[in-house]
Each structure stands twice: as structure tokens, then as C-alpha cells.
Amino acid sequence: MYERILESFRDRIRSLDYIITLHAEEEMDDADLSVFDLESAVLTGEITERQRDLLTREWKYVVNGKALDGASVGVVGKLSLTGRLVIITVYRG
């Protein structure tokens, strides 16, 4: 359903055109996940949900994919006004 958005996310992961918020870094650390797990999840996953941010009214997307070890990982991201992928949070699940 969100193939174009997912392909945009994947293109930005492949070209390293993304930023990870401090919150996402902290969540990855707490869940013992690496940036490679995050990248793998986006590259192998599917968008399962679209959400509207209550403050900014921007759309954000939940991608469910696999970490390098095969574990399920959720990634919440959005495309910024400049077109860069912003990783909002990452979690096991």
C-alpha cells in the first residue's frame, strides 16, 4: 500500500541519507540493536502502519522487518522536508 514511501526509505538507507534521533539511538541501545539491524529492518521490512504526528501533523511510518540475526524489529521513520529519512525510534517486536 505504501510501496513508494518504502522504496524512498530503502533508497535513503542504501545511500546513507538518513539521521537517527537521540531517542532512536537510546532505544536501539536499550534493545541491544545496532545501526546495521536498523538498516536490515528497513531493507527487509514492510510498512505496516501510517501515523500522523500529533504535534507536527507530519506522516510517519512503521516498518516491520528483520535484524541481522533474524529477530523482528520495528522502525518508525518519516521523510523530512528536505527529503532526508529521519529515524524516530527503533524497537524489538
PDB file of N, CA and C in Angstrom:
ATOM      1  N   MET A   1       0.814  -1.197   0.000  1.00  0.00           N
ATOM      2  CA  MET A   1       0.000   0.000   0.000  1.00  0.00           C
ATOM      3  C   MET A   1       0.865   1.271   0.000  1.00  0.00           C
ATOM      4  N   TYR A   2       1.993   1.205   0.662  1.00  0.00           N
ATOM      5  CA  TYR A   2       2.882   2.368   0.736  1.00  0.00           C
ATOM      6  C   TYR A   2       4.207   2.050   0.039  1.00  0.00           C
ATOM      7  N   GLU A   3       4.132   1.405  -1.128  1.00  0.00           N
ATOM      8  CA  GLU A   3       5.335   0.958  -1.816  1.00  0.00           C
ATOM      9  C   GLU A   3       6.276   2.102  -2.157  1.00  0.00           C
ATOM     10  N   ARG A   4       5.730   3.225  -2.617  1.00  0.00           N
ATOM     11  CA  ARG A   4       6.567   4.371  -3.000  1.00  0.00           C
ATOM     12  C   ARG A   4       7.324   4.926  -1.793  1.00  0.00           C
ATOM     13  N   ILE A   5       6.651   5.023  -0.669  1.00  0.00           N
ATOM     14  CA  ILE A   5       7.303   5.511   0.551  1.00  0.00           C
ATOM     15  C   ILE A   5       8.375   4.523   1.004  1.00  0.00           C
ATOM     16  N   LEU A   6       8.052   3.239   1.000  1.00  0.00           N
ATOM     17  CA  LEU A   6       9.016   2.229   1.416  1.00  0.00           C
ATOM     18  C   LEU A   6      10.244   2.256   0.509  1.00  0.00           C
ATOM     19  N   GLU A   7      10.046   2.404  -0.784  1.00  0.00           N
ATOM     20  CA  GLU A   7      11.188   2.463  -1.700  1.00  0.00           C
ATOM     21  C   GLU A   7      12.026   3.711  -1.424  1.00  0.00           C
ATOM     22  N   SER A   8      11.383   4.820  -1.076  1.00  0.00           N
ATOM     23  CA  SER A   8      12.121   6.038  -0.698  1.00  0.00           C
ATOM     24  C   SER A   8      12.954   5.790   0.557  1.00  0.00           C
ATOM     25  N   PHE A   9      12.357   5.123   1.545  1.00  0.00           N
ATOM     26  CA  PHE A   9      13.094   4.787   2.766  1.00  0.00           C
ATOM     27  C   PHE A   9      14.310   3.932   2.412  1.00  0.00           C
ATOM     28  N   ARG A  10      14.101   2.906   1.598  1.00  0.00           N
ATOM     29  CA  ARG A  10      15.197   1.997   1.243  1.00  0.00           C
ATOM     30  C   ARG A  10      16.295   2.716   0.459  1.00  0.00           C
ATOM     31  N   ASP A  11      15.912   3.588  -0.459  1.00  0.00           N
ATOM     32  CA  ASP A  11      16.913   4.351  -1.219  1.00  0.00           C
ATOM     33  C   ASP A  11      17.785   5.177  -0.288  1.00  0.00           C
ATOM     34  N   ARG A  12      17.163   5.773   0.709  1.00  0.00           N
ATOM     35  CA  ARG A  12      17.915   6.622   1.637  1.00  0.00           C
ATOM     36  C   ARG A  12      18.802   5.792   2.565  1.00  0.00           C
ATOM     37  N   ILE A  13      18.344   4.606   2.924  1.00  0.00           N
ATOM     38  CA  ILE A  13      19.192   3.711   3.721  1.00  0.00           C
ATOM     39  C   ILE A  13      20.414   3.317   2.895  1.00  0.00           C
ATOM     40  N   ARG A  14      20.194   2.915   1.640  1.00  0.00           N
ATOM     41  CA  ARG A  14      21.301   2.485   0.774  1.00  0.00           C
ATOM     42  C   ARG A  14      22.313   3.602   0.538  1.00  0.00           C
ATOM     43  N   SER A  15      21.839   4.839   0.438  1.00  0.00           N
ATOM     44  CA  SER A  15      22.738   5.963   0.171  1.00  0.00           C
ATOM     45  C   SER A  15      23.209   6.654   1.451  1.00  0.00           C
ATOM     46  N   LEU A  16      22.850   6.088   2.605  1.00  0.00           N
ATOM     47  CA  LEU A  16      23.209   6.642   3.925  1.00  0.00           C
ATOM     48  C   LEU A  16      22.697   8.072   4.099  1.00  0.00           C
ATOM     49  N   ASP A  17      21.554   8.358   3.503  1.00  0.00           N
ATOM     50  CA  ASP A  17      20.943   9.679   3.589  1.00  0.00           C
ATOM     51  C   ASP A  17      19.836   9.667   4.638  1.00  0.00           C
ATOM     52  N   TYR A  18      20.238   9.385   5.873  1.00  0.00           N
ATOM     53  CA  TYR A  18      19.271   9.345   6.964  1.00  0.00           C
ATOM     54  C   TYR A  18      19.936   9.814   8.248  1.00  0.00           C
ATOM     55  N   ILE A  19      19.091  10.227   9.177  1.00  0.00           N
ATOM     56  CA  ILE A  19      19.568  10.602  10.503  1.00  0.00           C
ATOM     57  C   ILE A  19      18.789   9.802  11.538  1.00  0.00           C
ATOM     58  N   ILE A  20      19.429   9.560  12.650  1.00  0.00           N
ATOM     59  CA  ILE A  20      18.818   8.813  13.746  1.00  0.00           C
ATOM     60  C   ILE A  20      18.658   9.766  14.923  1.00  0.00           C
ATOM     61  N   THR A  21      17.444   9.905  15.406  1.00  0.00           N
ATOM     62  CA  THR A  21      17.222  10.793  16.550  1.00  0.00           C
ATOM     63  C   THR A  21      17.895  10.220  17.798  1.00  0.00           C
ATOM     64  N   LEU A  22      18.139  11.065  18.749  1.00  0.00           N
ATOM     65  CA  LEU A  22      18.713  10.641  20.019  1.00  0.00           C
ATOM     66  C   LEU A  22      17.811   9.595  20.669  1.00  0.00           C
ATOM     67  N   HIS A  23      16.513   9.805  20.602  1.00  0.00           N
ATOM     68  CA  HIS A  23      15.567   8.837  21.164  1.00  0.00           C
ATOM     69  C   HIS A  23      15.757   7.470  20.513  1.00  0.00           C
ATOM     70  N   ALA A  24      15.867   7.434  19.191  1.00  0.00           N
ATOM     71  CA  ALA A  24      16.048   6.161  18.485  1.00  0.00           C
ATOM     72  C   ALA A  24      17.370   5.503  18.880  1.00  0.00           C
ATOM     73  N   GLU A  25      18.423   6.288  19.016  1.00  0.00           N
ATOM     74  CA  GLU A  25      19.715   5.735  19.441  1.00  0.00           C
ATOM     75  C   GLU A  25      19.611   5.109  20.827  1.00  0.00           C
ATOM     76  N   GLU A  26      18.925   5.802  21.735  1.00  0.00           N
ATOM     77  CA  GLU A  26      18.754   5.277  23.089  1.00  0.00           C
ATOM     78  C   GLU A  26      17.936   3.992  23.082  1.00  0.00           C
ATOM     79  N   GLU A  27      16.875   3.960  22.287  1.00  0.00           N
ATOM     80  CA  GLU A  27      16.039   2.763  22.196  1.00  0.00           C
ATOM     81  C   GLU A  27      16.808   1.586  21.587  1.00  0.00           C
ATOM     82  N   MET A  28      17.617   1.863  20.563  1.00  0.00           N
ATOM     83  CA  MET A  28      18.430   0.804  19.960  1.00  0.00           C
ATOM     84  C   MET A  28      19.413   0.252  20.980  1.00  0.00           C
ATOM     85  N   ASP A  29      20.024   1.140  21.736  1.00  0.00           N
ATOM     86  CA  ASP A  29      20.983   0.708  22.762  1.00  0.00           C
ATOM     87  C   ASP A  29      20.282  -0.154  23.818  1.00  0.00           C
ATOM     88  N   ASP A  30      19.113   0.282  24.265  1.00  0.00           N
ATOM     89  CA  ASP A  30      18.357  -0.474  25.268  1.00  0.00           C
ATOM     90  C   ASP A  30      17.941  -1.851  24.753  1.00  0.00           C
ATOM     91  N   ALA A  31      17.658  -1.947  23.456  1.00  0.00           N
ATOM     92  CA  ALA A  31      17.205  -3.201  22.854  1.00  0.00           C
ATOM     93  C   ALA A  31      18.369  -4.028  22.300  1.00  0.00           C
ATOM     94  N   ASP A  32      19.593  -3.545  22.517  1.00  0.00           N
ATOM     95  CA  ASP A  32      20.790  -4.228  22.022  1.00  0.00           C
ATOM     96  C   ASP A  32      20.735  -4.410  20.501  1.00  0.00           C
ATOM     97  N   LEU A  33      20.375  -3.329  19.802  1.00  0.00           N
ATOM     98  CA  LEU A  33      20.312  -3.321  18.347  1.00  0.00           C
ATOM     99  C   LEU A  33      21.376  -2.360  17.808  1.00  0.00           C
ATOM    100  N   SER A  34      21.895  -2.667  16.643  1.00  0.00           N
ATOM    101  CA  SER A  34      22.901  -1.813  16.014  1.00  0.00           C
ATOM    102  C   SER A  34      22.289  -1.068  14.830  1.00  0.00           C
ATOM    103  N   VAL A  35      23.052  -0.139  14.297  1.00  0.00           N
ATOM    104  CA  VAL A  35      22.618   0.578  13.101  1.00  0.00           C
ATOM    105  C   VAL A  35      22.438  -0.400  11.943  1.00  0.00           C
ATOM    106  N   PHE A  36      23.207  -1.480  11.928  1.00  0.00           N
ATOM    107  CA  PHE A  36      23.071  -2.487  10.866  1.00  0.00           C
ATOM    108  C   PHE A  36      21.742  -3.237  10.992  1.00  0.00           C
ATOM    109  N   ASP A  37      21.284  -3.437  12.220  1.00  0.00           N
ATOM    110  CA  ASP A  37      19.966  -4.047  12.436  1.00  0.00           C
ATOM    111  C   ASP A  37      18.864  -3.128  11.932  1.00  0.00           C
ATOM    112  N   LEU A  38      18.997  -1.843  12.215  1.00  0.00           N
ATOM    113  CA  LEU A  38      18.057  -0.840  11.734  1.00  0.00           C
ATOM    114  C   LEU A  38      18.005  -0.860  10.212  1.00  0.00           C
ATOM    115  N   GLU A  39      19.166  -0.813   9.568  1.00  0.00           N
ATOM    116  CA  GLU A  39      19.215  -0.822   8.110  1.00  0.00           C
ATOM    117  C   GLU A  39      18.597  -2.100   7.541  1.00  0.00           C
ATOM    118  N   SER A  40      18.933  -3.231   8.151  1.00  0.00           N
ATOM    119  CA  SER A  40      18.380  -4.510   7.703  1.00  0.00           C
ATOM    120  C   SER A  40      16.856  -4.525   7.810  1.00  0.00           C
ATOM    121  N   ALA A  41      16.338  -3.992   8.890  1.00  0.00           N
ATOM    122  CA  ALA A  41      14.881  -3.974   9.095  1.00  0.00           C
ATOM    123  C   ALA A  41      14.181  -3.178   8.000  1.00  0.00           C
ATOM    124  N   VAL A  42      14.737  -2.036   7.640  1.00  0.00           N
ATOM    125  CA  VAL A  42      14.111  -1.228   6.584  1.00  0.00           C
ATOM    126  C   VAL A  42      14.244  -1.925   5.230  1.00  0.00           C
ATOM    127  N   LEU A  43      15.404  -2.519   4.970  1.00  0.00           N
ATOM    128  CA  LEU A  43      15.631  -3.164   3.678  1.00  0.00           C
ATOM    129  C   LEU A  43      14.830  -4.452   3.496  1.00  0.00           C
ATOM    130  N   THR A  44      14.490  -5.128   4.599  1.00  0.00           N
ATOM    131  CA  THR A  44      13.754  -6.396   4.507  1.00  0.00           C
ATOM    132  C   THR A  44      12.282  -6.263   4.873  1.00  0.00           C
ATOM    133  N   GLY A  45      11.912  -5.126   5.417  1.00  0.00           N
ATOM    134  CA  GLY A  45      10.589  -4.994   6.005  1.00  0.00           C
ATOM    135  C   GLY A  45       9.515  -4.453   5.084  1.00  0.00           C
ATOM    136  N   GLU A  46       8.355  -4.283   5.684  1.00  0.00           N
ATOM    137  CA  GLU A  46       7.180  -3.722   5.026  1.00  0.00           C
ATOM    138  C   GLU A  46       6.580  -2.659   5.931  1.00  0.00           C
ATOM    139  N   ILE A  47       5.972  -1.668   5.329  1.00  0.00           N
ATOM    140  CA  ILE A  47       5.253  -0.663   6.105  1.00  0.00           C
ATOM    141  C   ILE A  47       3.933  -1.282   6.554  1.00  0.00           C
ATOM    142  N   THR A  48       3.732  -1.290   7.860  1.00  0.00           N
ATOM    143  CA  THR A  48       2.526  -1.904   8.407  1.00  0.00           C
ATOM    144  C   THR A  48       1.541  -0.878   8.956  1.00  0.00           C
ATOM    145  N   GLU A  49       1.995   0.358   9.079  1.00  0.00           N
ATOM    146  CA  GLU A  49       1.112   1.369   9.660  1.00  0.00           C
ATOM    147  C   GLU A  49       1.590   2.757   9.273  1.00  0.00           C
ATOM    148  N   ARG A  50       0.639   3.660   9.078  1.00  0.00           N
ATOM    149  CA  ARG A  50       0.929   5.081   8.874  1.00  0.00           C
ATOM    150  C   ARG A  50       0.283   5.825  10.021  1.00  0.00           C
ATOM    151  N   GLN A  51       1.023   6.755  10.619  1.00  0.00           N
ATOM    152  CA  GLN A  51       0.522   7.517  11.760  1.00  0.00           C
ATOM    153  C   GLN A  51       0.744   9.001  11.489  1.00  0.00           C
ATOM    154  N   ARG A  52      -0.119   9.824  12.030  1.00  0.00           N
ATOM    155  CA  ARG A  52       0.082  11.268  11.932  1.00  0.00           C
ATOM    156  C   ARG A  52       0.605  11.777  13.262  1.00  0.00           C
ATOM    157  N   ASP A  53       1.724  12.472  13.213  1.00  0.00           N
ATOM    158  CA  ASP A  53       2.316  13.050  14.410  1.00  0.00           C
ATOM    159  C   ASP A  53       1.367  14.105  14.970  1.00  0.00           C
ATOM    160  N   LEU A  54       1.076  14.018  16.250  1.00  0.00           N
ATOM    161  CA  LEU A  54       0.109  14.933  16.863  1.00  0.00           C
ATOM    162  C   LEU A  54       0.592  16.374  16.893  1.00  0.00           C
ATOM    163  N   LEU A  55       1.900  16.568  17.049  1.00  0.00           N
ATOM    164  CA  LEU A  55       2.426  17.929  17.131  1.00  0.00           C
ATOM    165  C   LEU A  55       2.670  18.549  15.760  1.00  0.00           C
ATOM    166  N   THR A  56       3.375  17.821  14.900  1.00  0.00           N
ATOM    167  CA  THR A  56       3.774  18.400  13.616  1.00  0.00           C
ATOM    168  C   THR A  56       2.776  18.137  12.496  1.00  0.00           C
ATOM    169  N   ARG A  57       1.871  17.180  12.703  1.00  0.00           N
ATOM    170  CA  ARG A  57       0.890  16.765  11.701  1.00  0.00           C
ATOM    171  C   ARG A  57       1.549  16.073  10.498  1.00  0.00           C
ATOM    172  N   GLU A  58       2.833  15.751  10.605  1.00  0.00           N
ATOM    173  CA  GLU A  58       3.525  15.030   9.543  1.00  0.00           C
ATOM    174  C   GLU A  58       3.187  13.539   9.624  1.00  0.00           C
ATOM    175  N   TRP A  59       3.252  12.864   8.466  1.00  0.00           N
ATOM    176  CA  TRP A  59       3.052  11.422   8.451  1.00  0.00           C
ATOM    177  C   TRP A  59       4.332  10.719   8.847  1.00  0.00           C
ATOM    178  N   LYS A  60       4.204   9.675   9.643  1.00  0.00           N
ATOM    179  CA  LYS A  60       5.319   8.798   9.969  1.00  0.00           C
ATOM    180  C   LYS A  60       4.860   7.369   9.719  1.00  0.00           C
ATOM    181  N   TYR A  61       5.818   6.505   9.463  1.00  0.00           N
ATOM    182  CA  TYR A  61       5.505   5.152   9.011  1.00  0.00           C
ATOM    183  C   TYR A  61       6.213   4.126   9.885  1.00  0.00           C
ATOM    184  N   VAL A  62       5.509   3.036  10.185  1.00  0.00           N
ATOM    185  CA  VAL A  62       6.061   1.928  10.956  1.00  0.00           C
ATOM    186  C   VAL A  62       6.476   0.844   9.961  1.00  0.00           C
ATOM    187  N   VAL A  63       7.764   0.507   9.994  1.00  0.00           N
ATOM    188  CA  VAL A  63       8.303  -0.559   9.152  1.00  0.00           C
ATOM    189  C   VAL A  63       8.644  -1.731  10.059  1.00  0.00           C
ATOM    190  N   ASN A  64       8.105  -2.904   9.746  1.00  0.00           N
ATOM    191  CA  ASN A  64       8.449  -4.111  10.494  1.00  0.00           C
ATOM    192  C   ASN A  64       9.303  -4.992   9.599  1.00  0.00           C
ATOM    193  N   GLY A  65      10.516  -5.304  10.079  1.00  0.00           N
ATOM    194  CA  GLY A  65      11.457  -6.104   9.311  1.00  0.00           C
ATOM    195  C   GLY A  65      12.288  -6.976  10.221  1.00  0.00           C
ATOM    196  N   LYS A  66      13.427  -7.418   9.707  1.00  0.00           N
ATOM    197  CA  LYS A  66      14.289  -8.354  10.431  1.00  0.00           C
ATOM    198  C   LYS A  66      15.658  -7.742  10.706  1.00  0.00           C
ATOM    199  N   ALA A  67      16.142  -7.977  11.918  1.00  0.00           N
ATOM    200  CA  ALA A  67      17.517  -7.621  12.274  1.00  0.00           C
ATOM    201  C   ALA A  67      18.449  -8.614  11.596  1.00  0.00           C
ATOM    202  N   LEU A  68      19.744  -8.382  11.699  1.00  0.00           N
ATOM    203  CA  LEU A  68      20.715  -9.286  11.092  1.00  0.00           C
ATOM    204  C   LEU A  68      20.603 -10.704  11.618  1.00  0.00           C
ATOM    205  N   ASP A  69      20.199 -10.859  12.885  1.00  0.00           N
ATOM    206  CA  ASP A  69      20.069 -12.200  13.465  1.00  0.00           C
ATOM    207  C   ASP A  69      18.691 -12.814  13.227  1.00  0.00           C
ATOM    208  N   GLY A  70      17.838 -12.127  12.449  1.00  0.00           N
ATOM    209  CA  GLY A  70      16.509 -12.646  12.134  1.00  0.00           C
ATOM    210  C   GLY A  70      15.410 -12.216  13.086  1.00  0.00           C
ATOM    211  N   ALA A  71      15.776 -11.521  14.152  1.00  0.00           N
ATOM    212  CA  ALA A  71      14.775 -11.054  15.117  1.00  0.00           C
ATOM    213  C   ALA A  71      13.901  -9.970  14.480  1.00  0.00           C
ATOM    214  N   SER A  72      12.656  -9.895  14.918  1.00  0.00           N
ATOM    215  CA  SER A  72      11.738  -8.865  14.427  1.00  0.00           C
ATOM    216  C   SER A  72      12.115  -7.507  15.004  1.00  0.00           C
ATOM    217  N   VAL A  73      12.121  -6.509  14.142  1.00  0.00           N
ATOM    218  CA  VAL A  73      12.467  -5.150  14.546  1.00  0.00           C
ATOM    219  C   VAL A  73      11.456  -4.193  13.939  1.00  0.00           C
ATOM    220  N   GLY A  74      11.008  -3.227  14.739  1.00  0.00           N
ATOM    221  CA  GLY A  74      10.148  -2.160  14.261  1.00  0.00           C
ATOM    222  C   GLY A  74      10.946  -0.877  14.145  1.00  0.00           C
ATOM    223  N   VAL A  75      10.704  -0.151  13.080  1.00  0.00           N
ATOM    224  CA  VAL A  75      11.364   1.133  12.841  1.00  0.00           C
ATOM    225  C   VAL A  75      10.275   2.144  12.515  1.00  0.00           C
ATOM    226  N   VAL A  76      10.298   3.277  13.188  1.00  0.00           N
ATOM    227  CA  VAL A  76       9.375   4.358  12.869  1.00  0.00           C
ATOM    228  C   VAL A  76      10.190   5.475  12.242  1.00  0.00           C
ATOM    229  N   GLY A  77       9.779   5.884  11.046  1.00  0.00           N
ATOM    230  CA  GLY A  77      10.525   6.920  10.337  1.00  0.00           C
ATOM    231  C   GLY A  77       9.613   7.825   9.541  1.00  0.00           C
ATOM    232  N   LYS A  78      10.201   8.916   9.079  1.00  0.00           N
ATOM    233  CA  LYS A  78       9.473   9.868   8.247  1.00  0.00           C
ATOM    234  C   LYS A  78      10.462  10.516   7.292  1.00  0.00           C
ATOM    235  N   LEU A  79       9.937  11.101   6.254  1.00  0.00           N
ATOM    236  CA  LEU A  79      10.756  11.879   5.340  1.00  0.00           C
ATOM    237  C   LEU A  79      10.670  13.340   5.763  1.00  0.00           C
ATOM    238  N   SER A  80      11.832  13.961   5.947  1.00  0.00           N
ATOM    239  CA  SER A  80      11.853  15.356   6.373  1.00  0.00           C
ATOM    240  C   SER A  80      11.497  16.265   5.207  1.00  0.00           C
ATOM    241  N   LEU A  81      11.340  17.532   5.483  1.00  0.00           N
ATOM    242  CA  LEU A  81      11.032  18.496   4.429  1.00  0.00           C
ATOM    243  C   LEU A  81      12.140  18.572   3.394  1.00  0.00           C
ATOM    244  N   THR A  82      13.360  18.233   3.789  1.00  0.00           N
ATOM    245  CA  THR A  82      14.494  18.238   2.863  1.00  0.00           C
ATOM    246  C   THR A  82      14.637  16.916   2.124  1.00  0.00           C
ATOM    247  N   GLY A  83      13.777  15.939   2.450  1.00  0.00           N
ATOM    248  CA  GLY A  83      13.824  14.656   1.773  1.00  0.00           C
ATOM    249  C   GLY A  83      14.667  13.605   2.460  1.00  0.00           C
ATOM    250  N   ARG A  84      15.289  13.957   3.557  1.00  0.00           N
ATOM    251  CA  ARG A  84      16.114  13.003   4.299  1.00  0.00           C
ATOM    252  C   ARG A  84      15.217  12.117   5.158  1.00  0.00           C
ATOM    253  N   LEU A  85      15.626  10.866   5.312  1.00  0.00           N
ATOM    254  CA  LEU A  85      14.908   9.944   6.177  1.00  0.00           C
ATOM    255  C   LEU A  85      15.286  10.209   7.622  1.00  0.00           C
ATOM    256  N   VAL A  86      14.294  10.370   8.468  1.00  0.00           N
ATOM    257  CA  VAL A  86      14.509  10.587   9.902  1.00  0.00           C
ATOM    258  C   VAL A  86      13.998   9.354  10.624  1.00  0.00           C
ATOM    259  N   ILE A  87      14.908   8.680  11.346  1.00  0.00           N
ATOM    260  CA  ILE A  87      14.535   7.517  12.135  1.00  0.00           C
ATOM    261  C   ILE A  87      14.114   8.009  13.507  1.00  0.00           C
ATOM    262  N   ILE A  88      12.841   7.828  13.835  1.00  0.00           N
ATOM    263  CA  ILE A  88      12.277   8.361  15.069  1.00  0.00           C
ATOM    264  C   ILE A  88      12.499   7.412  16.228  1.00  0.00           C
ATOM    265  N   THR A  89      12.267   6.126  15.998  1.00  0.00           N
ATOM    266  CA  THR A  89      12.516   5.131  17.036  1.00  0.00           C
ATOM    267  C   THR A  89      12.713   3.762  16.394  1.00  0.00           C
ATOM    268  N   VAL A  90      13.339   2.880  17.161  1.00  0.00           N
ATOM    269  CA  VAL A  90      13.624   1.509  16.734  1.00  0.00           C
ATOM    270  C   VAL A  90      13.375   0.614  17.947  1.00  0.00           C
ATOM    271  N   TYR A  91      12.758  -0.544  17.723  1.00  0.00           N
ATOM    272  CA  TYR A  91      12.448  -1.428  18.850  1.00  0.00           C
ATOM    273  C   TYR A  91      12.371  -2.869  18.378  1.00  0.00           C
ATOM    274  N   ARG A  92      12.549  -3.779  19.302  1.00  0.00           N
ATOM    275  CA  ARG A  92      12.342  -5.207  19.019  1.00  0.00           C
ATOM    276  C   ARG A  92      10.846  -5.455  19.042  1.00  0.00           C
ATOM    277  N   GLY A  93      10.416  -6.324  18.172  1.00  0.00           N
ATOM    278  CA  GLY A  93       8.996  -6.595  18.224  1.00  0.00           C
ATOM    279  C   GLY A  93       8.531  -7.243  17.017  1.00  0.00           C
TER     280      GLY A  93
END
